[in-house]
Amino acid sequence: MNRDEREALKQTIDAVDRLMSVFKIERALYLVVAFVSFLMLIYGSVRLLREPSIDPTAITLILGGNGLATVAATRVAYFLNRAFNLVEQLVRKFSGIT
């Protein structure tokens, strides 16, 4: 690897590091959302098991918890995918794959 390639690699890794640090608060927020959705799922499940009839509130808790978990996981995956795509482009460039 020549000097220009090393500099490009260093800049790309620095960019990924900055990208991760910029979205650190957002990732923490999505972690909290995922935890809340887990609590909603647990509470809704317990409520469904304790009640003899199906309660719309429990169903709403379960569906809402699933939706929140999906949103949180999708957003975290999106940001990680963007970071890894940046690294992938650099690796392809240096390996000659284009």
C-alpha atoms as a PDB file:
ATOM      1  CA  MET A   1       0.000   0.000   0.000  1.00  0.00           C
ATOM      2  CA  ASN A   2       1.467   3.341  -0.985  1.00  0.00           C
ATOM      3  CA  ARG A   3       1.339   6.546   1.047  1.00  0.00           C
ATOM      4  CA  ASP A   4      -1.780   7.920  -0.665  1.00  0.00           C
ATOM      5  CA  GLU A   5      -3.681   4.705  -0.041  1.00  0.00           C
ATOM      6  CA  ARG A   6      -2.650   4.707   3.620  1.00  0.00           C
ATOM      7  CA  GLU A   7      -3.801   8.307   3.971  1.00  0.00           C
ATOM      8  CA  ALA A   8      -7.142   7.466   2.322  1.00  0.00           C
ATOM      9  CA  LEU A   9      -7.529   4.471   4.633  1.00  0.00           C
ATOM     10  CA  LYS A  10      -6.781   6.614   7.684  1.00  0.00           C
ATOM     11  CA  GLN A  11      -9.268   9.266   6.551  1.00  0.00           C
ATOM     12  CA  THR A  12     -11.969   6.666   5.972  1.00  0.00           C
ATOM     13  CA  ILE A  13     -11.471   5.065   9.359  1.00  0.00           C
ATOM     14  CA  ASP A  14     -11.524   8.514  10.964  1.00  0.00           C
ATOM     15  CA  ALA A  15     -14.761   9.282   9.091  1.00  0.00           C
ATOM     16  CA  VAL A  16     -16.354   6.055  10.367  1.00  0.00           C
ATOM     17  CA  ASP A  17     -15.215   6.913  13.888  1.00  0.00           C
ATOM     18  CA  ARG A  18     -16.716  10.402  13.608  1.00  0.00           C
ATOM     19  CA  LEU A  19     -19.921   8.949  12.172  1.00  0.00           C
ATOM     20  CA  MET A  20     -20.225   6.586  15.119  1.00  0.00           C
ATOM     21  CA  SER A  21     -19.519   9.315  17.656  1.00  0.00           C
ATOM     22  CA  VAL A  22     -21.984  11.751  16.062  1.00  0.00           C
ATOM     23  CA  PHE A  23     -24.796   9.214  16.304  1.00  0.00           C
ATOM     24  CA  LYS A  24     -23.822   7.943  19.771  1.00  0.00           C
ATOM     25  CA  ILE A  25     -26.738   9.742  21.445  1.00  0.00           C
ATOM     26  CA  GLU A  26     -29.159   8.504  18.816  1.00  0.00           C
ATOM     27  CA  ARG A  27     -27.960   4.925  19.235  1.00  0.00           C
ATOM     28  CA  ALA A  28     -28.377   5.246  23.009  1.00  0.00           C
ATOM     29  CA  LEU A  29     -31.898   6.553  22.449  1.00  0.00           C
ATOM     30  CA  TYR A  30     -32.720   3.553  20.263  1.00  0.00           C
ATOM     31  CA  LEU A  31     -31.323   1.267  22.958  1.00  0.00           C
ATOM     32  CA  VAL A  32     -33.695   2.868  25.478  1.00  0.00           C
ATOM     33  CA  VAL A  33     -36.585   2.481  23.005  1.00  0.00           C
ATOM     34  CA  ALA A  34     -35.706  -1.194  22.560  1.00  0.00           C
ATOM     35  CA  PHE A  35     -35.665  -1.672  26.351  1.00  0.00           C
ATOM     36  CA  VAL A  36     -39.055   0.034  26.728  1.00  0.00           C
ATOM     37  CA  SER A  37     -40.479  -2.138  23.958  1.00  0.00           C
ATOM     38  CA  PHE A  38     -39.184  -5.239  25.755  1.00  0.00           C
ATOM     39  CA  LEU A  39     -40.916  -4.111  28.955  1.00  0.00           C
ATOM     40  CA  MET A  40     -44.122  -3.498  26.995  1.00  0.00           C
ATOM     41  CA  LEU A  41     -43.933  -7.018  25.554  1.00  0.00           C
ATOM     42  CA  ILE A  42     -43.377  -8.581  28.961  1.00  0.00           C
ATOM     43  CA  TYR A  43     -46.172  -6.571  30.604  1.00  0.00           C
ATOM     44  CA  GLY A  44     -48.581  -7.312  27.756  1.00  0.00           C
ATOM     45  CA  SER A  45     -47.759 -11.020  27.871  1.00  0.00           C
ATOM     46  CA  VAL A  46     -48.277 -11.230  31.628  1.00  0.00           C
ATOM     47  CA  ARG A  47     -51.547  -9.356  31.278  1.00  0.00           C
ATOM     48  CA  LEU A  48     -52.726 -11.765  28.569  1.00  0.00           C
ATOM     49  CA  LEU A  49     -51.841 -14.787  30.704  1.00  0.00           C
ATOM     50  CA  ARG A  50     -53.560 -13.455  33.836  1.00  0.00           C
ATOM     51  CA  GLU A  51     -56.806 -12.300  32.252  1.00  0.00           C
ATOM     52  CA  PRO A  52     -59.337 -14.944  31.230  1.00  0.00           C
ATOM     53  CA  SER A  53     -60.415 -12.877  28.209  1.00  0.00           C
ATOM     54  CA  ILE A  54     -58.407 -11.129  25.527  1.00  0.00           C
ATOM     55  CA  ASP A  55     -57.967  -7.502  26.513  1.00  0.00           C
ATOM     56  CA  PRO A  56     -57.445  -4.890  23.751  1.00  0.00           C
ATOM     57  CA  THR A  57     -54.960  -3.077  25.975  1.00  0.00           C
ATOM     58  CA  ALA A  58     -52.726  -6.143  26.232  1.00  0.00           C
ATOM     59  CA  ILE A  59     -52.890  -6.688  22.483  1.00  0.00           C
ATOM     60  CA  THR A  60     -51.973  -3.028  21.957  1.00  0.00           C
ATOM     61  CA  LEU A  61     -49.017  -3.390  24.337  1.00  0.00           C
ATOM     62  CA  ILE A  62     -47.726  -6.426  22.490  1.00  0.00           C
ATOM     63  CA  LEU A  63     -48.164  -4.948  19.011  1.00  0.00           C
ATOM     64  CA  GLY A  64     -46.752  -1.593  20.133  1.00  0.00           C
ATOM     65  CA  GLY A  65     -43.760  -3.279  21.727  1.00  0.00           C
ATOM     66  CA  ASN A  66     -43.087  -5.223  18.554  1.00  0.00           C
ATOM     67  CA  GLY A  67     -43.320  -2.058  16.481  1.00  0.00           C
ATOM     68  CA  LEU A  68     -40.946  -0.125  18.738  1.00  0.00           C
ATOM     69  CA  ALA A  69     -38.425  -2.966  18.700  1.00  0.00           C
ATOM     70  CA  THR A  70     -38.596  -3.091  14.911  1.00  0.00           C
ATOM     71  CA  VAL A  71     -38.054   0.648  14.538  1.00  0.00           C
ATOM     72  CA  ALA A  72     -35.126   0.687  16.961  1.00  0.00           C
ATOM     73  CA  ALA A  73     -33.408  -2.295  15.333  1.00  0.00           C
ATOM     74  CA  THR A  74     -33.941  -0.925  11.833  1.00  0.00           C
ATOM     75  CA  ARG A  75     -32.428   2.471  12.641  1.00  0.00           C
ATOM     76  CA  VAL A  76     -29.369   0.993  14.350  1.00  0.00           C
ATOM     77  CA  ALA A  77     -28.877  -1.401  11.433  1.00  0.00           C
ATOM     78  CA  TYR A  78     -29.191   1.518   9.002  1.00  0.00           C
ATOM     79  CA  PHE A  79     -26.407   3.515  10.660  1.00  0.00           C
ATOM     80  CA  LEU A  80     -24.120   0.502  10.958  1.00  0.00           C
ATOM     81  CA  ASN A  81     -24.788  -0.348   7.307  1.00  0.00           C
ATOM     82  CA  ARG A  82     -23.801   3.175   6.238  1.00  0.00           C
ATOM     83  CA  ALA A  83     -20.545   2.941   8.186  1.00  0.00           C
ATOM     84  CA  PHE A  84     -19.676  -0.492   6.815  1.00  0.00           C
ATOM     85  CA  ASN A  85     -20.514   0.564   3.248  1.00  0.00           C
ATOM     86  CA  LEU A  86     -17.954   3.336   3.578  1.00  0.00           C
ATOM     87  CA  VAL A  87     -15.289   0.838   4.646  1.00  0.00           C
ATOM     88  CA  GLU A  88     -16.361  -1.609   1.934  1.00  0.00           C
ATOM     89  CA  GLN A  89     -15.903   1.011  -0.794  1.00  0.00           C
ATOM     90  CA  LEU A  90     -12.385   1.678   0.415  1.00  0.00           C
ATOM     91  CA  VAL A  91     -11.473  -1.998   0.567  1.00  0.00           C
ATOM     92  CA  ARG A  92     -12.824  -2.563  -2.942  1.00  0.00           C
ATOM     93  CA  LYS A  93     -10.840   0.393  -4.224  1.00  0.00           C
ATOM     94  CA  PHE A  94      -7.574  -0.826  -2.709  1.00  0.00           C
ATOM     95  CA  SER A  95      -8.093  -4.426  -3.763  1.00  0.00           C
ATOM     96  CA  GLY A  96      -8.848  -3.421  -7.355  1.00  0.00           C
ATOM     97  CA  ILE A  97     -12.356  -4.898  -7.398  1.00  0.00           C
ATOM     98  CA  THR A  98     -14.040  -1.497  -8.082  1.00  0.00           C
END
